[in-house]
């Protein structure tokens, strides 16, 4: 997905965080940190941070 690749490149270039809200589970592994909100409670987990091809 080109948009996710661009967002990740911008985050590295500008040394900033990018917040993405999605239900698309195939892009989730591309992020380093993942937050799930369930029943109003936020849960954090480590992502894989792998490159999306």
C-alpha atoms as a PDB file:
ATOM      1  CA  UNK A   1       0.000   0.000   0.000  1.00  0.00           C
ATOM      2  CA  UNK A   2       1.668   3.160  -1.252  1.00  0.00           C
ATOM      3  CA  UNK A   3       0.009   5.503   1.252  1.00  0.00           C
ATOM      4  CA  UNK A   4       1.305   3.545   4.256  1.00  0.00           C
ATOM      5  CA  UNK A   5       4.809   3.472   2.782  1.00  0.00           C
ATOM      6  CA  UNK A   6       4.716   7.273   2.295  1.00  0.00           C
ATOM      7  CA  UNK A   7       3.438   7.837   5.839  1.00  0.00           C
ATOM      8  CA  UNK A   8       6.210   5.663   7.298  1.00  0.00           C
ATOM      9  CA  UNK A   9       8.849   7.493   5.242  1.00  0.00           C
ATOM     10  CA  UNK A  10       7.505  10.869   6.397  1.00  0.00           C
ATOM     11  CA  UNK A  11       7.544   9.753  10.033  1.00  0.00           C
ATOM     12  CA  UNK A  12      11.213   8.772   9.716  1.00  0.00           C
ATOM     13  CA  UNK A  13      12.161  11.903   7.777  1.00  0.00           C
ATOM     14  CA  UNK A  14      10.457  14.330  10.156  1.00  0.00           C
ATOM     15  CA  UNK A  15      11.091  12.264  13.307  1.00  0.00           C
ATOM     16  CA  UNK A  16       7.446  12.338  14.284  1.00  0.00           C
ATOM     17  CA  UNK A  17       4.570  10.005  14.986  1.00  0.00           C
ATOM     18  CA  UNK A  18       1.845   9.215  12.512  1.00  0.00           C
ATOM     19  CA  UNK A  19      -1.513   8.100  13.853  1.00  0.00           C
ATOM     20  CA  UNK A  20      -3.490   5.766  11.627  1.00  0.00           C
ATOM     21  CA  UNK A  21      -6.940   4.506  12.537  1.00  0.00           C
ATOM     22  CA  UNK A  22      -7.937   1.433  10.562  1.00  0.00           C
ATOM     23  CA  UNK A  23      -9.854  -1.810  10.463  1.00  0.00           C
ATOM     24  CA  UNK A  24      -7.561  -3.124   7.699  1.00  0.00           C
ATOM     25  CA  UNK A  25      -5.644  -5.837   9.518  1.00  0.00           C
ATOM     26  CA  UNK A  26      -3.138  -6.433   6.718  1.00  0.00           C
ATOM     27  CA  UNK A  27      -1.457  -3.026   7.299  1.00  0.00           C
ATOM     28  CA  UNK A  28      -1.247  -3.341  11.083  1.00  0.00           C
ATOM     29  CA  UNK A  29       2.115  -5.238  11.128  1.00  0.00           C
ATOM     30  CA  UNK A  30       3.806  -2.289   9.378  1.00  0.00           C
ATOM     31  CA  UNK A  31       3.650  -0.199  12.539  1.00  0.00           C
ATOM     32  CA  UNK A  32       5.997  -0.307  15.527  1.00  0.00           C
ATOM     33  CA  UNK A  33       3.338   0.419  18.159  1.00  0.00           C
ATOM     34  CA  UNK A  34      -0.269  -0.688  18.038  1.00  0.00           C
ATOM     35  CA  UNK A  35      -3.118   0.451  20.258  1.00  0.00           C
ATOM     36  CA  UNK A  36      -6.469  -1.297  20.424  1.00  0.00           C
ATOM     37  CA  UNK A  37      -9.498   0.313  22.026  1.00  0.00           C
ATOM     38  CA  UNK A  38     -11.934  -2.208  23.441  1.00  0.00           C
ATOM     39  CA  UNK A  39     -14.919  -1.235  25.547  1.00  0.00           C
ATOM     40  CA  UNK A  40     -13.390   2.196  26.136  1.00  0.00           C
ATOM     41  CA  UNK A  41     -10.075   0.782  27.402  1.00  0.00           C
ATOM     42  CA  UNK A  42      -6.840   1.284  25.439  1.00  0.00           C
ATOM     43  CA  UNK A  43      -4.444  -1.660  25.125  1.00  0.00           C
ATOM     44  CA  UNK A  44      -0.914  -1.264  23.740  1.00  0.00           C
ATOM     45  CA  UNK A  45       1.152  -3.910  22.005  1.00  0.00           C
ATOM     46  CA  UNK A  46       4.423  -3.928  20.123  1.00  0.00           C
ATOM     47  CA  UNK A  47       4.094  -4.093  16.378  1.00  0.00           C
ATOM     48  CA  UNK A  48       6.486  -5.737  13.981  1.00  0.00           C
ATOM     49  CA  UNK A  49       7.420  -2.532  12.171  1.00  0.00           C
ATOM     50  CA  UNK A  50       7.943  -4.463   8.960  1.00  0.00           C
ATOM     51  CA  UNK A  51       8.036  -2.914   5.532  1.00  0.00           C
ATOM     52  CA  UNK A  52       4.855  -3.078   3.527  1.00  0.00           C
ATOM     53  CA  UNK A  53       5.409  -4.398   0.005  1.00  0.00           C
END
